[in-house]
Amino acid sequence: MNAQPTVGFAHFLSQTDAVGTTILFLLLVMSVATWYLIATKALSALLMRQRTRRFLGVFWNSPSLQSVAKQLDQTPADEPFSNLAQQAILAARHHQRHGANTLNESGSTAEFLTRAIRRVIDEETARFESGLTVLASIGSTAPFLGLFGTVWGVYHALVAIGMSGQGTLDKVAGPVGEALIMTALGLAVAIPAVLAYNFAVRRNRLVLAQLDSFAHDLFSFLTTGSHVSDAGESIAPLHAPAVQGAR
């Protein structure tokens, strides 16, 4: 009685060559990178959402921007909204104190403040998008890498079968089926990367839209008489009901 040929992933690993091993290693690295980015970005998003909710609660319930500035001076900004508020208030203070002495400070207070706010938003956008290029690259290349591994495995399997002269179905199906493992691995790596990329892009778009809306409110407060002076007094204090109504 003829022994059944050994098939399976372990047999495939034992029979693969240097090219197949390299492809498997690359897929493993891609998978580790994908899940690392998923874990770190999920944790970062959770912490940022909690800190943002806490800061916005304090901001909208503060009697004036001066009280917000005092708290920001005592507590370092640890999320985008508090960072934007801190940088905008510092920019308003700086322009009030020094005026336009350099090209970077040229223009009115509103123009200088606009540039400062835009710079902060650009920096936060770049920070949000870090790692997305890696996810997009993995999601687009992993299936093709797995397909290449399958084609390479099928080629070697057919060459080995041709040299042995045993072209029966049971001799062909096993090696070809093993080669398809590469395609499955490529898809297994690509699908989480694509899903994580789409989720991150959507979350970033929502957060940046909220940040842009907050920047408009903050700009309005700082350019319509609510500047923060160096003397520790705020002109035209902002009461919480009025501020919340503005939104």
C-alpha atoms as a PDB file:
ATOM      1  CA  MET A   1       0.000   0.000   0.000  1.00  0.00           C
ATOM      2  CA  ASN A   2       1.440   3.355  -1.044  1.00  0.00           C
ATOM      3  CA  ALA A   3       2.109   5.869   1.720  1.00  0.00           C
ATOM      4  CA  GLN A   4       0.210   9.112   1.499  1.00  0.00           C
ATOM      5  CA  PRO A   5       2.392  12.106   0.626  1.00  0.00           C
ATOM      6  CA  THR A   6       3.059  14.478   3.489  1.00  0.00           C
ATOM      7  CA  VAL A   7       1.375  17.842   2.986  1.00  0.00           C
ATOM      8  CA  GLY A   8       0.741  20.845   5.183  1.00  0.00           C
ATOM      9  CA  PHE A   9       2.332  24.058   6.350  1.00  0.00           C
ATOM     10  CA  ALA A  10       5.215  22.306   8.130  1.00  0.00           C
ATOM     11  CA  HIS A  11       6.037  20.326   5.015  1.00  0.00           C
ATOM     12  CA  PHE A  12       5.803  23.510   2.956  1.00  0.00           C
ATOM     13  CA  LEU A  13       8.317  25.244   5.246  1.00  0.00           C
ATOM     14  CA  SER A  14      10.700  22.309   5.025  1.00  0.00           C
ATOM     15  CA  GLN A  15      10.569  22.329   1.231  1.00  0.00           C
ATOM     16  CA  THR A  16      10.704  26.074   0.554  1.00  0.00           C
ATOM     17  CA  ASP A  17      13.876  27.698  -0.776  1.00  0.00           C
ATOM     18  CA  ALA A  18      15.628  30.978   0.060  1.00  0.00           C
ATOM     19  CA  VAL A  19      13.152  33.076  -1.941  1.00  0.00           C
ATOM     20  CA  GLY A  20      10.167  31.537  -0.176  1.00  0.00           C
ATOM     21  CA  THR A  21      11.826  31.966   3.218  1.00  0.00           C
ATOM     22  CA  THR A  22      12.524  35.611   2.458  1.00  0.00           C
ATOM     23  CA  ILE A  23       8.898  36.204   1.471  1.00  0.00           C
ATOM     24  CA  LEU A  24       7.679  34.550   4.663  1.00  0.00           C
ATOM     25  CA  PHE A  25      10.041  36.690   6.710  1.00  0.00           C
ATOM     26  CA  LEU A  26       8.827  39.877   4.997  1.00  0.00           C
ATOM     27  CA  LEU A  27       5.201  38.933   5.621  1.00  0.00           C
ATOM     28  CA  LEU A  28       6.013  38.268   9.265  1.00  0.00           C
ATOM     29  CA  VAL A  29       7.677  41.687   9.617  1.00  0.00           C
ATOM     30  CA  MET A  30       4.688  43.344   7.932  1.00  0.00           C
ATOM     31  CA  SER A  31       2.280  41.580  10.265  1.00  0.00           C
ATOM     32  CA  VAL A  32       4.233  42.590  13.375  1.00  0.00           C
ATOM     33  CA  ALA A  33       4.432  46.205  12.167  1.00  0.00           C
ATOM     34  CA  THR A  34       0.705  46.255  11.420  1.00  0.00           C
ATOM     35  CA  TRP A  35      -0.378  44.983  14.807  1.00  0.00           C
ATOM     36  CA  TYR A  36       2.127  47.234  16.572  1.00  0.00           C
ATOM     37  CA  LEU A  37       0.663  50.288  14.826  1.00  0.00           C
ATOM     38  CA  ILE A  38      -2.874  49.099  15.524  1.00  0.00           C
ATOM     39  CA  ALA A  39      -2.148  48.691  19.242  1.00  0.00           C
ATOM     40  CA  THR A  40      -0.232  51.952  19.670  1.00  0.00           C
ATOM     41  CA  LYS A  41      -2.698  54.047  17.667  1.00  0.00           C
ATOM     42  CA  ALA A  42      -5.703  52.562  19.450  1.00  0.00           C
ATOM     43  CA  LEU A  43      -4.148  53.308  22.844  1.00  0.00           C
ATOM     44  CA  SER A  44      -3.123  56.799  21.735  1.00  0.00           C
ATOM     45  CA  ALA A  45      -6.623  57.533  20.418  1.00  0.00           C
ATOM     46  CA  LEU A  46      -8.220  56.366  23.659  1.00  0.00           C
ATOM     47  CA  LEU A  47      -5.942  58.508  25.836  1.00  0.00           C
ATOM     48  CA  MET A  48      -6.324  61.520  23.548  1.00  0.00           C
ATOM     49  CA  ARG A  49     -10.112  61.275  23.601  1.00  0.00           C
ATOM     50  CA  GLN A  50     -10.174  61.210  27.404  1.00  0.00           C
ATOM     51  CA  ARG A  51      -7.737  64.129  27.723  1.00  0.00           C
ATOM     52  CA  THR A  52      -9.545  66.158  25.060  1.00  0.00           C
ATOM     53  CA  ARG A  53     -12.901  65.668  26.758  1.00  0.00           C
ATOM     54  CA  ARG A  54     -11.400  66.775  30.053  1.00  0.00           C
ATOM     55  CA  PHE A  55      -9.718  69.881  28.574  1.00  0.00           C
ATOM     56  CA  LEU A  56     -12.747  71.007  26.571  1.00  0.00           C
ATOM     57  CA  GLY A  57     -14.885  70.677  29.670  1.00  0.00           C
ATOM     58  CA  VAL A  58     -12.520  72.983  31.537  1.00  0.00           C
ATOM     59  CA  PHE A  59     -12.195  75.374  28.579  1.00  0.00           C
ATOM     60  CA  TRP A  60     -15.882  75.933  27.912  1.00  0.00           C
ATOM     61  CA  ASN A  61     -16.652  76.308  31.617  1.00  0.00           C
ATOM     62  CA  SER A  62     -13.858  78.798  32.314  1.00  0.00           C
ATOM     63  CA  PRO A  63     -14.914  82.409  33.019  1.00  0.00           C
ATOM     64  CA  SER A  64     -12.181  83.848  30.765  1.00  0.00           C
ATOM     65  CA  LEU A  65      -9.244  82.956  28.574  1.00  0.00           C
ATOM     66  CA  GLN A  66      -6.989  84.201  31.346  1.00  0.00           C
ATOM     67  CA  SER A  67      -8.085  81.354  33.610  1.00  0.00           C
ATOM     68  CA  VAL A  68      -7.490  78.914  30.743  1.00  0.00           C
ATOM     69  CA  ALA A  69      -4.025  80.407  30.207  1.00  0.00           C
ATOM     70  CA  LYS A  70      -3.173  80.023  33.901  1.00  0.00           C
ATOM     71  CA  GLN A  71      -4.115  76.358  33.858  1.00  0.00           C
ATOM     72  CA  LEU A  72      -2.142  75.746  30.657  1.00  0.00           C
ATOM     73  CA  ASP A  73       0.882  77.436  32.219  1.00  0.00           C
ATOM     74  CA  GLN A  74       0.656  75.031  35.148  1.00  0.00           C
ATOM     75  CA  THR A  75      -0.238  71.885  33.192  1.00  0.00           C
ATOM     76  CA  PRO A  76       1.650  71.029  29.991  1.00  0.00           C
ATOM     77  CA  ALA A  77      -0.505  70.469  26.912  1.00  0.00           C
ATOM     78  CA  ASP A  78      -0.885  66.731  26.327  1.00  0.00           C
ATOM     79  CA  GLU A  79      -3.403  66.633  23.458  1.00  0.00           C
ATOM     80  CA  PRO A  80      -4.166  68.648  20.280  1.00  0.00           C
ATOM     81  CA  PHE A  81      -6.843  71.004  21.627  1.00  0.00           C
ATOM     82  CA  SER A  82      -4.916  72.159  24.682  1.00  0.00           C
ATOM     83  CA  ASN A  83      -1.767  72.480  22.578  1.00  0.00           C
ATOM     84  CA  LEU A  84      -3.617  74.662  20.069  1.00  0.00           C
ATOM     85  CA  ALA A  85      -5.069  76.845  22.819  1.00  0.00           C
ATOM     86  CA  GLN A  86      -1.695  77.224  24.526  1.00  0.00           C
ATOM     87  CA  GLN A  87       0.169  78.105  21.336  1.00  0.00           C
ATOM     88  CA  ALA A  88      -2.527  80.549  20.226  1.00  0.00           C
ATOM     89  CA  ILE A  89      -2.524  82.352  23.581  1.00  0.00           C
ATOM     90  CA  LEU A  90       1.280  82.507  23.603  1.00  0.00           C
ATOM     91  CA  ALA A  91       1.242  83.907  20.056  1.00  0.00           C
ATOM     92  CA  ALA A  92      -1.247  86.597  21.045  1.00  0.00           C
ATOM     93  CA  ARG A  93       0.866  87.518  24.075  1.00  0.00           C
ATOM     94  CA  HIS A  94       4.044  87.622  22.011  1.00  0.00           C
ATOM     95  CA  HIS A  95       2.612  89.883  19.325  1.00  0.00           C
ATOM     96  CA  GLN A  96       1.093  92.228  21.889  1.00  0.00           C
ATOM     97  CA  ARG A  97       4.429  92.532  23.681  1.00  0.00           C
ATOM     98  CA  HIS A  98       6.881  92.674  20.772  1.00  0.00           C
ATOM     99  CA  GLY A  99       4.845  93.640  17.725  1.00  0.00           C
ATOM    100  CA  ALA A 100       6.168  92.916  14.225  1.00  0.00           C
ATOM    101  CA  ASN A 101       9.980  92.913  14.401  1.00  0.00           C
ATOM    102  CA  THR A 102      10.706  90.065  11.970  1.00  0.00           C
ATOM    103  CA  LEU A 103       9.186  88.666   8.782  1.00  0.00           C
ATOM    104  CA  ASN A 104       7.691  85.842  10.817  1.00  0.00           C
ATOM    105  CA  GLU A 105       5.917  88.407  13.004  1.00  0.00           C
ATOM    106  CA  SER A 106       4.855  90.729  10.177  1.00  0.00           C
ATOM    107  CA  GLY A 107       1.254  91.779   9.757  1.00  0.00           C
ATOM    108  CA  SER A 108      -1.499  92.431  12.231  1.00  0.00           C
ATOM    109  CA  THR A 109      -2.177  90.404  15.339  1.00  0.00           C
ATOM    110  CA  ALA A 110      -4.909  88.506  13.484  1.00  0.00           C
ATOM    111  CA  GLU A 111      -2.520  87.551  10.670  1.00  0.00           C
ATOM    112  CA  PHE A 112       0.200  86.478  13.087  1.00  0.00           C
ATOM    113  CA  LEU A 113      -2.318  84.471  15.092  1.00  0.00           C
ATOM    114  CA  THR A 114      -3.648  82.829  11.927  1.00  0.00           C
ATOM    115  CA  ARG A 115      -0.151  81.665  10.992  1.00  0.00           C
ATOM    116  CA  ALA A 116       0.466  80.324  14.491  1.00  0.00           C
ATOM    117  CA  ILE A 117      -2.823  78.402  14.519  1.00  0.00           C
ATOM    118  CA  ARG A 118      -2.223  77.030  11.037  1.00  0.00           C
ATOM    119  CA  ARG A 119       1.256  75.874  12.050  1.00  0.00           C
ATOM    120  CA  VAL A 120      -0.101  73.986  15.065  1.00  0.00           C
ATOM    121  CA  ILE A 121      -2.836  72.333  12.994  1.00  0.00           C
ATOM    122  CA  ASP A 122      -0.272  71.291  10.380  1.00  0.00           C
ATOM    123  CA  GLU A 123       1.931  69.794  13.086  1.00  0.00           C
ATOM    124  CA  GLU A 124      -0.987  67.890  14.605  1.00  0.00           C
ATOM    125  CA  THR A 125      -2.032  66.651  11.159  1.00  0.00           C
ATOM    126  CA  ALA A 126       1.462  65.328  10.520  1.00  0.00           C
ATOM    127  CA  ARG A 127       1.458  63.619  13.915  1.00  0.00           C
ATOM    128  CA  PHE A 128      -1.923  61.999  13.245  1.00  0.00           C
ATOM    129  CA  GLU A 129      -0.732  60.685   9.888  1.00  0.00           C
ATOM    130  CA  SER A 130       2.444  59.097  11.219  1.00  0.00           C
ATOM    131  CA  GLY A 131       2.402  55.385  10.505  1.00  0.00           C
ATOM    132  CA  LEU A 132      -0.439  55.575   7.982  1.00  0.00           C
ATOM    133  CA  THR A 133       1.996  55.310   5.077  1.00  0.00           C
ATOM    134  CA  VAL A 134       3.280  52.046   6.534  1.00  0.00           C
ATOM    135  CA  LEU A 135      -0.249  50.655   6.879  1.00  0.00           C
ATOM    136  CA  ALA A 136      -1.172  51.720   3.359  1.00  0.00           C
ATOM    137  CA  SER A 137       2.005  50.192   1.942  1.00  0.00           C
ATOM    138  CA  ILE A 138       1.451  46.907   3.766  1.00  0.00           C
ATOM    139  CA  GLY A 139      -2.182  46.748   2.728  1.00  0.00           C
ATOM    140  CA  SER A 140      -1.322  47.268  -0.934  1.00  0.00           C
ATOM    141  CA  THR A 141       1.833  45.143  -1.226  1.00  0.00           C
ATOM    142  CA  ALA A 142       1.205  42.157   1.058  1.00  0.00           C
ATOM    143  CA  PRO A 143      -1.301  40.434  -1.299  1.00  0.00           C
ATOM    144  CA  PHE A 144       1.082  40.784  -4.241  1.00  0.00           C
ATOM    145  CA  LEU A 145       3.967  39.521  -2.138  1.00  0.00           C
ATOM    146  CA  GLY A 146       1.898  36.479  -1.179  1.00  0.00           C
ATOM    147  CA  LEU A 147       0.890  35.963  -4.806  1.00  0.00           C
ATOM    148  CA  PHE A 148       4.516  36.106  -5.864  1.00  0.00           C
ATOM    149  CA  GLY A 149       5.315  33.456  -3.262  1.00  0.00           C
ATOM    150  CA  THR A 150       2.508  31.276  -4.604  1.00  0.00           C
ATOM    151  CA  VAL A 151       3.699  31.605  -8.203  1.00  0.00           C
ATOM    152  CA  TRP A 152       7.243  30.811  -7.121  1.00  0.00           C
ATOM    153  CA  GLY A 153       6.087  27.777  -5.140  1.00  0.00           C
ATOM    154  CA  VAL A 154       3.904  26.459  -7.980  1.00  0.00           C
ATOM    155  CA  TYR A 155       6.800  26.867 -10.397  1.00  0.00           C
ATOM    156  CA  HIS A 156       9.171  24.814  -8.239  1.00  0.00           C
ATOM    157  CA  ALA A 157       6.473  22.220  -7.514  1.00  0.00           C
ATOM    158  CA  LEU A 158       5.752  21.693 -11.202  1.00  0.00           C
ATOM    159  CA  VAL A 159       9.451  21.511 -12.039  1.00  0.00           C
ATOM    160  CA  ALA A 160       9.967  18.859  -9.328  1.00  0.00           C
ATOM    161  CA  ILE A 161       6.948  16.857 -10.536  1.00  0.00           C
ATOM    162  CA  GLY A 162       8.146  17.042 -14.128  1.00  0.00           C
ATOM    163  CA  MET A 163      11.584  15.804 -13.195  1.00  0.00           C
ATOM    164  CA  SER A 164      10.153  12.909 -11.185  1.00  0.00           C
ATOM    165  CA  GLY A 165       7.849  11.904 -14.040  1.00  0.00           C
ATOM    166  CA  GLN A 166       4.891  11.444 -11.690  1.00  0.00           C
ATOM    167  CA  GLY A 167       2.155  13.685 -13.089  1.00  0.00           C
ATOM    168  CA  THR A 168      -0.868  12.142 -11.395  1.00  0.00           C
ATOM    169  CA  LEU A 169      -3.406  14.339  -9.613  1.00  0.00           C
ATOM    170  CA  ASP A 170      -2.360  13.282  -6.121  1.00  0.00           C
ATOM    171  CA  LYS A 171       1.233  14.240  -6.910  1.00  0.00           C
ATOM    172  CA  VAL A 172       0.285  17.658  -8.345  1.00  0.00           C
ATOM    173  CA  ALA A 173      -2.491  18.788  -6.003  1.00  0.00           C
ATOM    174  CA  GLY A 174      -0.440  18.585  -2.801  1.00  0.00           C
ATOM    175  CA  PRO A 175       2.507  20.824  -3.783  1.00  0.00           C
ATOM    176  CA  VAL A 176       0.271  23.294  -5.630  1.00  0.00           C
ATOM    177  CA  GLY A 177      -2.080  23.480  -2.683  1.00  0.00           C
ATOM    178  CA  GLU A 178       0.841  24.142  -0.359  1.00  0.00           C
ATOM    179  CA  ALA A 179       1.996  26.982  -2.581  1.00  0.00           C
ATOM    180  CA  LEU A 180      -1.399  28.678  -2.131  1.00  0.00           C
ATOM    181  CA  ILE A 181      -0.509  29.119   1.535  1.00  0.00           C
ATOM    182  CA  MET A 182       1.545  32.145   0.491  1.00  0.00           C
ATOM    183  CA  THR A 183      -1.509  33.877  -0.992  1.00  0.00           C
ATOM    184  CA  ALA A 184      -3.509  33.194   2.162  1.00  0.00           C
ATOM    185  CA  LEU A 185      -0.723  34.617   4.326  1.00  0.00           C
ATOM    186  CA  GLY A 186      -0.506  37.722   2.150  1.00  0.00           C
ATOM    187  CA  LEU A 187      -4.239  38.330   2.525  1.00  0.00           C
ATOM    188  CA  ALA A 188      -4.065  37.653   6.276  1.00  0.00           C
ATOM    189  CA  VAL A 189      -1.440  40.390   6.590  1.00  0.00           C
ATOM    190  CA  ALA A 190      -3.116  42.863   4.217  1.00  0.00           C
ATOM    191  CA  ILE A 191      -6.697  42.785   5.538  1.00  0.00           C
ATOM    192  CA  PRO A 192      -5.945  44.084   9.086  1.00  0.00           C
ATOM    193  CA  ALA A 193      -3.652  46.749   7.618  1.00  0.00           C
ATOM    194  CA  VAL A 194      -6.343  48.015   5.233  1.00  0.00           C
ATOM    195  CA  LEU A 195      -9.019  48.037   7.929  1.00  0.00           C
ATOM    196  CA  ALA A 196      -6.732  49.830  10.380  1.00  0.00           C
ATOM    197  CA  TYR A 197      -5.756  52.392   7.729  1.00  0.00           C
ATOM    198  CA  ASN A 198      -9.376  53.185   6.849  1.00  0.00           C
ATOM    199  CA  PHE A 199     -10.336  53.469  10.513  1.00  0.00           C
ATOM    200  CA  ALA A 200      -7.383  55.751  11.282  1.00  0.00           C
ATOM    201  CA  VAL A 201      -8.084  58.000   8.289  1.00  0.00           C
ATOM    202  CA  ARG A 202     -11.716  58.412   9.293  1.00  0.00           C
ATOM    203  CA  ARG A 203     -10.811  59.117  12.922  1.00  0.00           C
ATOM    204  CA  ASN A 204      -8.183  61.667  11.892  1.00  0.00           C
ATOM    205  CA  ARG A 205     -10.651  63.404   9.594  1.00  0.00           C
ATOM    206  CA  LEU A 206     -13.207  63.741  12.398  1.00  0.00           C
ATOM    207  CA  VAL A 207     -10.666  64.957  14.952  1.00  0.00           C
ATOM    208  CA  LEU A 208      -9.155  67.490  12.541  1.00  0.00           C
ATOM    209  CA  ALA A 209     -12.629  68.805  11.679  1.00  0.00           C
ATOM    210  CA  GLN A 210     -13.317  69.324  15.388  1.00  0.00           C
ATOM    211  CA  LEU A 211      -9.885  70.900  15.840  1.00  0.00           C
ATOM    212  CA  ASP A 212     -10.534  73.268  12.936  1.00  0.00           C
ATOM    213  CA  SER A 213     -13.866  74.296  14.442  1.00  0.00           C
ATOM    214  CA  PHE A 214     -12.204  74.885  17.804  1.00  0.00           C
ATOM    215  CA  ALA A 215      -9.474  76.929  16.086  1.00  0.00           C
ATOM    216  CA  HIS A 216     -12.106  79.233  14.559  1.00  0.00           C
ATOM    217  CA  ASP A 217     -13.705  79.795  17.968  1.00  0.00           C
ATOM    218  CA  LEU A 218     -10.335  80.397  19.602  1.00  0.00           C
ATOM    219  CA  PHE A 219      -9.283  82.805  16.865  1.00  0.00           C
ATOM    220  CA  SER A 220     -12.537  84.715  17.291  1.00  0.00           C
ATOM    221  CA  PHE A 221     -12.049  84.991  21.054  1.00  0.00           C
ATOM    222  CA  LEU A 222      -8.477  86.246  20.702  1.00  0.00           C
ATOM    223  CA  THR A 223      -9.174  88.804  17.966  1.00  0.00           C
ATOM    224  CA  THR A 224     -12.394  90.376  19.254  1.00  0.00           C
ATOM    225  CA  GLY A 225     -11.201  91.781  22.558  1.00  0.00           C
ATOM    226  CA  SER A 226     -10.406  88.678  24.561  1.00  0.00           C
ATOM    227  CA  HIS A 227      -6.600  88.945  24.358  1.00  0.00           C
ATOM    228  CA  VAL A 228      -4.527  87.633  27.230  1.00  0.00           C
ATOM    229  CA  SER A 229      -2.264  90.352  28.586  1.00  0.00           C
ATOM    230  CA  ASP A 230       1.058  89.970  30.384  1.00  0.00           C
ATOM    231  CA  ALA A 231      -0.346  91.732  33.408  1.00  0.00           C
ATOM    232  CA  GLY A 232      -2.508  88.746  34.214  1.00  0.00           C
ATOM    233  CA  GLU A 233      -5.828  90.365  33.255  1.00  0.00           C
ATOM    234  CA  SER A 234      -8.139  89.423  30.453  1.00  0.00           C
ATOM    235  CA  ILE A 235     -10.025  91.990  28.400  1.00  0.00           C
ATOM    236  CA  ALA A 236     -13.743  91.272  28.009  1.00  0.00           C
ATOM    237  CA  PRO A 237     -14.006  88.079  30.077  1.00  0.00           C
ATOM    238  CA  LEU A 238     -15.765  85.200  28.378  1.00  0.00           C
ATOM    239  CA  HIS A 239     -18.569  83.636  30.388  1.00  0.00           C
ATOM    240  CA  ALA A 240     -19.326  79.980  29.847  1.00  0.00           C
ATOM    241  CA  PRO A 241     -22.936  80.410  28.586  1.00  0.00           C
ATOM    242  CA  ALA A 242     -21.865  82.918  25.939  1.00  0.00           C
ATOM    243  CA  VAL A 243     -19.008  80.712  24.785  1.00  0.00           C
ATOM    244  CA  GLN A 244     -21.136  77.607  24.572  1.00  0.00           C
ATOM    245  CA  GLY A 245     -23.742  79.526  22.632  1.00  0.00           C
ATOM    246  CA  ALA A 246     -21.104  80.538  20.112  1.00  0.00           C
ATOM    247  CA  ARG A 247     -20.597  76.918  19.219  1.00  0.00           C
END
